[in-house]
Structure formats: structure tokens, C-alpha cells
Amino acid sequence: MKPNMGSADRVIRLVLAAIVAFLYFSGTITGTLGIVLMIFAAVFALTSLVSFCPLYAPFRFNTKTK
């Protein structure tokens, strides 16, 4: 897996994941919507930690600077 995410993209994903986690654990978002958003937050956090987004690969999209 060749990294295809830049630092700004990684930070934005981590911030969004943290916001969703905070809203979920504070009880602001609940139910099915909360679970779905937490799954997306986990995927965002995981992809930002490994610097690779599988959805970018088929479209040859790369936010990493050379």
C-alpha cells in the first residue's frame, strides 16, 4: 500500500472522527445513526493512521505532496 493521503487530509479525518466520537459518547447522536457514524469515524481514523485510503486508489486520487 503506497501512501496516498497528505497531512491536511489526515488531520481533517482525525478531527472529524474525534468530533463524531465525542457526540456519540456524550449522547448527542444515538441509535442507528450514531452507530453508522461511529463506523465511519473508525474508518476515518484507521485510514488516516495508515495514510492510505482505498477509495482513492481506483480513481488515482492522491493528496500527498511529492
PDB file of N, CA and C in Angstrom:
ATOM      1  N   MET A   1       0.830  -1.169   0.000  1.00  0.00           N
ATOM      2  CA  MET A   1       0.000   0.000   0.000  1.00  0.00           C
ATOM      3  C   MET A   1       0.884   1.245   0.000  1.00  0.00           C
ATOM      4  N   LYS A   2       0.836   1.951  -1.064  1.00  0.00           N
ATOM      5  CA  LYS A   2       1.585   3.197  -1.180  1.00  0.00           C
ATOM      6  C   LYS A   2       0.735   4.327  -0.587  1.00  0.00           C
ATOM      7  N   PRO A   3       1.298   5.127   0.323  1.00  0.00           N
ATOM      8  CA  PRO A   3       0.522   6.214   0.935  1.00  0.00           C
ATOM      9  C   PRO A   3      -0.037   7.172  -0.122  1.00  0.00           C
ATOM     10  N   ASN A   4      -1.319   7.517   0.021  1.00  0.00           N
ATOM     11  CA  ASN A   4      -1.945   8.429  -0.924  1.00  0.00           C
ATOM     12  C   ASN A   4      -2.707   9.558  -0.234  1.00  0.00           C
ATOM     13  N   MET A   5      -2.398   9.791   1.048  1.00  0.00           N
ATOM     14  CA  MET A   5      -3.067  10.847   1.792  1.00  0.00           C
ATOM     15  C   MET A   5      -2.048  11.840   2.326  1.00  0.00           C
ATOM     16  N   GLY A   6      -2.325  13.116   2.122  1.00  0.00           N
ATOM     17  CA  GLY A   6      -1.467  14.166   2.630  1.00  0.00           C
ATOM     18  C   GLY A   6      -1.760  14.462   4.094  1.00  0.00           C
ATOM     19  N   SER A   7      -0.954  15.297   4.694  1.00  0.00           N
ATOM     20  CA  SER A   7      -1.103  15.576   6.125  1.00  0.00           C
ATOM     21  C   SER A   7      -2.392  16.340   6.425  1.00  0.00           C
ATOM     22  N   ALA A   8      -2.787  17.258   5.558  1.00  0.00           N
ATOM     23  CA  ALA A   8      -4.033  18.002   5.789  1.00  0.00           C
ATOM     24  C   ALA A   8      -5.229  17.055   5.747  1.00  0.00           C
ATOM     25  N   ASP A   9      -5.243  16.141   4.804  1.00  0.00           N
ATOM     26  CA  ASP A   9      -6.321  15.160   4.682  1.00  0.00           C
ATOM     27  C   ASP A   9      -6.379  14.281   5.929  1.00  0.00           C
ATOM     28  N   ARG A  10      -5.235  13.873   6.426  1.00  0.00           N
ATOM     29  CA  ARG A  10      -5.170  13.027   7.614  1.00  0.00           C
ATOM     30  C   ARG A  10      -5.687  13.769   8.846  1.00  0.00           C
ATOM     31  N   VAL A  11      -5.303  15.026   9.004  1.00  0.00           N
ATOM     32  CA  VAL A  11      -5.729  15.809  10.166  1.00  0.00           C
ATOM     33  C   VAL A  11      -7.237  16.039  10.126  1.00  0.00           C
ATOM     34  N   ILE A  12      -7.761  16.372   8.966  1.00  0.00           N
ATOM     35  CA  ILE A  12      -9.207  16.598   8.830  1.00  0.00           C
ATOM     36  C   ILE A  12      -9.980  15.343   9.202  1.00  0.00           C
ATOM     37  N   ARG A  13      -9.517  14.188   8.743  1.00  0.00           N
ATOM     38  CA  ARG A  13     -10.199  12.931   9.066  1.00  0.00           C
ATOM     39  C   ARG A  13     -10.136  12.627  10.556  1.00  0.00           C
ATOM     40  N   LEU A  14      -8.989  12.871  11.183  1.00  0.00           N
ATOM     41  CA  LEU A  14      -8.874  12.616  12.624  1.00  0.00           C
ATOM     42  C   LEU A  14      -9.762  13.554  13.427  1.00  0.00           C
ATOM     43  N   VAL A  15      -9.840  14.812  13.019  1.00  0.00           N
ATOM     44  CA  VAL A  15     -10.698  15.769  13.717  1.00  0.00           C
ATOM     45  C   VAL A  15     -12.167  15.377  13.576  1.00  0.00           C
ATOM     46  N   LEU A  16     -12.581  14.999  12.377  1.00  0.00           N
ATOM     47  CA  LEU A  16     -13.970  14.562  12.180  1.00  0.00           C
ATOM     48  C   LEU A  16     -14.285  13.322  13.006  1.00  0.00           C
ATOM     49  N   ALA A  17     -13.345  12.381  13.048  1.00  0.00           N
ATOM     50  CA  ALA A  17     -13.554  11.163  13.841  1.00  0.00           C
ATOM     51  C   ALA A  17     -13.674  11.505  15.323  1.00  0.00           C
ATOM     52  N   ALA A  18     -12.856  12.430  15.799  1.00  0.00           N
ATOM     53  CA  ALA A  18     -12.917  12.824  17.209  1.00  0.00           C
ATOM     54  C   ALA A  18     -14.227  13.522  17.535  1.00  0.00           C
ATOM     55  N   ILE A  19     -14.700  14.372  16.630  1.00  0.00           N
ATOM     56  CA  ILE A  19     -15.971  15.071  16.846  1.00  0.00           C
ATOM     57  C   ILE A  19     -17.127  14.083  16.906  1.00  0.00           C
ATOM     58  N   VAL A  20     -17.158  13.148  15.972  1.00  0.00           N
ATOM     59  CA  VAL A  20     -18.238  12.150  15.959  1.00  0.00           C
ATOM     60  C   VAL A  20     -18.180  11.289  17.222  1.00  0.00           C
ATOM     61  N   ALA A  21     -16.982  10.876  17.633  1.00  0.00           N
ATOM     62  CA  ALA A  21     -16.851  10.068  18.854  1.00  0.00           C
ATOM     63  C   ALA A  21     -17.343  10.848  20.076  1.00  0.00           C
ATOM     64  N   PHE A  22     -16.975  12.114  20.156  1.00  0.00           N
ATOM     65  CA  PHE A  22     -17.429  12.937  21.280  1.00  0.00           C
ATOM     66  C   PHE A  22     -18.955  13.047  21.290  1.00  0.00           C
ATOM     67  N   LEU A  23     -19.545  13.322  20.133  1.00  0.00           N
ATOM     68  CA  LEU A  23     -21.002  13.453  20.060  1.00  0.00           C
ATOM     69  C   LEU A  23     -21.708  12.145  20.389  1.00  0.00           C
ATOM     70  N   TYR A  24     -21.124  11.030  19.993  1.00  0.00           N
ATOM     71  CA  TYR A  24     -21.721   9.726  20.280  1.00  0.00           C
ATOM     72  C   TYR A  24     -21.660   9.411  21.774  1.00  0.00           C
ATOM     73  N   PHE A  25     -20.477   9.584  22.365  1.00  0.00           N
ATOM     74  CA  PHE A  25     -20.326   9.234  23.774  1.00  0.00           C
ATOM     75  C   PHE A  25     -20.970  10.240  24.721  1.00  0.00           C
ATOM     76  N   SER A  26     -21.253  11.436  24.250  1.00  0.00           N
ATOM     77  CA  SER A  26     -21.978  12.399  25.079  1.00  0.00           C
ATOM     78  C   SER A  26     -23.486  12.217  24.955  1.00  0.00           C
ATOM     79  N   GLY A  27     -23.922  11.362  24.059  1.00  0.00           N
ATOM     80  CA  GLY A  27     -25.345  11.074  23.920  1.00  0.00           C
ATOM     81  C   GLY A  27     -26.076  11.993  22.966  1.00  0.00           C
ATOM     82  N   THR A  28     -25.349  12.832  22.239  1.00  0.00           N
ATOM     83  CA  THR A  28     -25.991  13.746  21.300  1.00  0.00           C
ATOM     84  C   THR A  28     -26.525  12.998  20.083  1.00  0.00           C
ATOM     85  N   ILE A  29     -25.748  12.069  19.564  1.00  0.00           N
ATOM     86  CA  ILE A  29     -26.228  11.226  18.466  1.00  0.00           C
ATOM     87  C   ILE A  29     -26.349   9.800  18.996  1.00  0.00           C
ATOM     88  N   THR A  30     -27.500   9.195  18.748  1.00  0.00           N
ATOM     89  CA  THR A  30     -27.765   7.866  19.291  1.00  0.00           C
ATOM     90  C   THR A  30     -28.420   6.998  18.227  1.00  0.00           C
ATOM     91  N   GLY A  31     -28.689   5.783  18.593  1.00  0.00           N
ATOM     92  CA  GLY A  31     -29.416   4.868  17.726  1.00  0.00           C
ATOM     93  C   GLY A  31     -28.602   4.420  16.528  1.00  0.00           C
ATOM     94  N   THR A  32     -29.328   4.084  15.470  1.00  0.00           N
ATOM     95  CA  THR A  32     -28.702   3.576  14.255  1.00  0.00           C
ATOM     96  C   THR A  32     -27.791   4.613  13.623  1.00  0.00           C
ATOM     97  N   LEU A  33     -28.212   5.852  13.604  1.00  0.00           N
ATOM     98  CA  LEU A  33     -27.380   6.917  13.042  1.00  0.00           C
ATOM     99  C   LEU A  33     -26.060   7.026  13.800  1.00  0.00           C
ATOM    100  N   GLY A  34     -26.119   6.932  15.106  1.00  0.00           N
ATOM    101  CA  GLY A  34     -24.907   7.003  15.908  1.00  0.00           C
ATOM    102  C   GLY A  34     -23.955   5.863  15.614  1.00  0.00           C
ATOM    103  N   ILE A  35     -24.483   4.670  15.456  1.00  0.00           N
ATOM    104  CA  ILE A  35     -23.647   3.506  15.155  1.00  0.00           C
ATOM    105  C   ILE A  35     -23.011   3.646  13.779  1.00  0.00           C
ATOM    106  N   VAL A  36     -23.793   4.062  12.801  1.00  0.00           N
ATOM    107  CA  VAL A  36     -23.258   4.245  11.445  1.00  0.00           C
ATOM    108  C   VAL A  36     -22.178   5.313  11.429  1.00  0.00           C
ATOM    109  N   LEU A  37     -22.413   6.427  12.103  1.00  0.00           N
ATOM    110  CA  LEU A  37     -21.406   7.490  12.155  1.00  0.00           C
ATOM    111  C   LEU A  37     -20.154   7.047  12.898  1.00  0.00           C
ATOM    112  N   MET A  38     -20.300   6.212  13.924  1.00  0.00           N
ATOM    113  CA  MET A  38     -19.120   5.698  14.629  1.00  0.00           C
ATOM    114  C   MET A  38     -18.309   4.753  13.742  1.00  0.00           C
ATOM    115  N   ILE A  39     -18.977   3.990  12.896  1.00  0.00           N
ATOM    116  CA  ILE A  39     -18.259   3.124  11.950  1.00  0.00           C
ATOM    117  C   ILE A  39     -17.473   3.981  10.974  1.00  0.00           C
ATOM    118  N   PHE A  40     -18.103   5.038  10.451  1.00  0.00           N
ATOM    119  CA  PHE A  40     -17.388   5.948   9.557  1.00  0.00           C
ATOM    120  C   PHE A  40     -16.217   6.624  10.274  1.00  0.00           C
ATOM    121  N   ALA A  41     -16.413   6.994  11.531  1.00  0.00           N
ATOM    122  CA  ALA A  41     -15.340   7.625  12.304  1.00  0.00           C
ATOM    123  C   ALA A  41     -14.174   6.661  12.491  1.00  0.00           C
ATOM    124  N   ALA A  42     -14.475   5.396  12.741  1.00  0.00           N
ATOM    125  CA  ALA A  42     -13.414   4.402  12.900  1.00  0.00           C
ATOM    126  C   ALA A  42     -12.648   4.212  11.598  1.00  0.00           C
ATOM    127  N   VAL A  43     -13.366   4.185  10.479  1.00  0.00           N
ATOM    128  CA  VAL A  43     -12.703   4.053   9.170  1.00  0.00           C
ATOM    129  C   VAL A  43     -11.846   5.284   8.894  1.00  0.00           C
ATOM    130  N   PHE A  44     -12.369   6.470   9.192  1.00  0.00           N
ATOM    131  CA  PHE A  44     -11.591   7.698   9.003  1.00  0.00           C
ATOM    132  C   PHE A  44     -10.317   7.666   9.837  1.00  0.00           C
ATOM    133  N   ALA A  45     -10.425   7.263  11.096  1.00  0.00           N
ATOM    134  CA  ALA A  45      -9.254   7.219  11.969  1.00  0.00           C
ATOM    135  C   ALA A  45      -8.240   6.196  11.472  1.00  0.00           C
ATOM    136  N   LEU A  46      -8.715   5.029  11.077  1.00  0.00           N
ATOM    137  CA  LEU A  46      -7.809   3.979  10.596  1.00  0.00           C
ATOM    138  C   LEU A  46      -7.098   4.400   9.321  1.00  0.00           C
ATOM    139  N   THR A  47      -7.830   4.951   8.363  1.00  0.00           N
ATOM    140  CA  THR A  47      -7.191   5.358   7.109  1.00  0.00           C
ATOM    141  C   THR A  47      -6.226   6.510   7.315  1.00  0.00           C
ATOM    142  N   SER A  48      -6.510   7.390   8.262  1.00  0.00           N
ATOM    143  CA  SER A  48      -5.572   8.486   8.499  1.00  0.00           C
ATOM    144  C   SER A  48      -4.314   7.991   9.196  1.00  0.00           C
ATOM    145  N   LEU A  49      -4.424   6.974  10.018  1.00  0.00           N
ATOM    146  CA  LEU A  49      -3.247   6.443  10.702  1.00  0.00           C
ATOM    147  C   LEU A  49      -2.323   5.676   9.757  1.00  0.00           C
ATOM    148  N   VAL A  50      -2.886   5.013   8.746  1.00  0.00           N
ATOM    149  CA  VAL A  50      -2.053   4.263   7.800  1.00  0.00           C
ATOM    150  C   VAL A  50      -1.732   5.071   6.546  1.00  0.00           C
ATOM    151  N   SER A  51      -2.273   6.273   6.427  1.00  0.00           N
ATOM    152  CA  SER A  51      -2.033   7.184   5.287  1.00  0.00           C
ATOM    153  C   SER A  51      -2.445   6.598   3.947  1.00  0.00           C
ATOM    154  N   PHE A  52      -3.436   5.734   3.957  1.00  0.00           N
ATOM    155  CA  PHE A  52      -3.896   5.130   2.714  1.00  0.00           C
ATOM    156  C   PHE A  52      -5.414   5.044   2.732  1.00  0.00           C
ATOM    157  N   CYS A  53      -6.028   5.557   1.670  1.00  0.00           N
ATOM    158  CA  CYS A  53      -7.475   5.464   1.504  1.00  0.00           C
ATOM    159  C   CYS A  53      -7.760   4.561   0.318  1.00  0.00           C
ATOM    160  N   PRO A  54      -8.426   3.432   0.536  1.00  0.00           N
ATOM    161  CA  PRO A  54      -8.700   2.513  -0.562  1.00  0.00           C
ATOM    162  C   PRO A  54      -9.620   3.097  -1.638  1.00  0.00           C
ATOM    163  N   LEU A  55     -10.439   4.078  -1.295  1.00  0.00           N
ATOM    164  CA  LEU A  55     -11.314   4.693  -2.292  1.00  0.00           C
ATOM    165  C   LEU A  55     -10.562   5.634  -3.220  1.00  0.00           C
ATOM    166  N   TYR A  56      -9.405   6.113  -2.789  1.00  0.00           N
ATOM    167  CA  TYR A  56      -8.599   6.976  -3.645  1.00  0.00           C
ATOM    168  C   TYR A  56      -7.903   6.174  -4.743  1.00  0.00           C
ATOM    169  N   ALA A  57      -7.551   4.930  -4.475  1.00  0.00           N
ATOM    170  CA  ALA A  57      -6.736   4.126  -5.391  1.00  0.00           C
ATOM    171  C   ALA A  57      -7.379   3.919  -6.771  1.00  0.00           C
ATOM    172  N   PRO A  58      -8.632   3.492  -6.877  1.00  0.00           N
ATOM    173  CA  PRO A  58      -9.199   3.258  -8.222  1.00  0.00           C
ATOM    174  C   PRO A  58      -9.284   4.525  -9.077  1.00  0.00           C
ATOM    175  N   PHE A  59      -9.415   5.672  -8.412  1.00  0.00           N
ATOM    176  CA  PHE A  59      -9.532   6.933  -9.134  1.00  0.00           C
ATOM    177  C   PHE A  59      -8.185   7.639  -9.297  1.00  0.00           C
ATOM    178  N   ARG A  60      -7.130   6.998  -8.786  1.00  0.00           N
ATOM    179  CA  ARG A  60      -5.773   7.549  -8.831  1.00  0.00           C
ATOM    180  C   ARG A  60      -5.719   8.950  -8.226  1.00  0.00           C
ATOM    181  N   PHE A  61      -6.449   9.115  -7.140  1.00  0.00           N
ATOM    182  CA  PHE A  61      -6.503  10.375  -6.424  1.00  0.00           C
ATOM    183  C   PHE A  61      -5.431  10.346  -5.348  1.00  0.00           C
ATOM    184  N   ASN A  62      -4.649  11.424  -5.253  1.00  0.00           N
ATOM    185  CA  ASN A  62      -3.535  11.467  -4.318  1.00  0.00           C
ATOM    186  C   ASN A  62      -3.455  12.874  -3.726  1.00  0.00           C
ATOM    187  N   THR A  63      -3.528  12.972  -2.407  1.00  0.00           N
ATOM    188  CA  THR A  63      -3.429  14.273  -1.759  1.00  0.00           C
ATOM    189  C   THR A  63      -2.050  14.469  -1.134  1.00  0.00           C
ATOM    190  N   LYS A  64      -1.207  13.487  -1.250  1.00  0.00           N
ATOM    191  CA  LYS A  64       0.138  13.584  -0.677  1.00  0.00           C
ATOM    192  C   LYS A  64       1.035  14.403  -1.598  1.00  0.00           C
ATOM    193  N   THR A  65       1.753  15.336  -1.002  1.00  0.00           N
ATOM    194  CA  THR A  65       2.685  16.142  -1.803  1.00  0.00           C
ATOM    195  C   THR A  65       3.943  15.335  -2.076  1.00  0.00           C
ATOM    196  N   LYS A  66       4.547  15.633  -3.182  1.00  0.00           N
ATOM    197  CA  LYS A  66       5.727  14.860  -3.582  1.00  0.00           C
ATOM    198  C   LYS A  66       6.981  15.429  -3.039  1.00  0.00           C
TER     199      LYS A  66
END
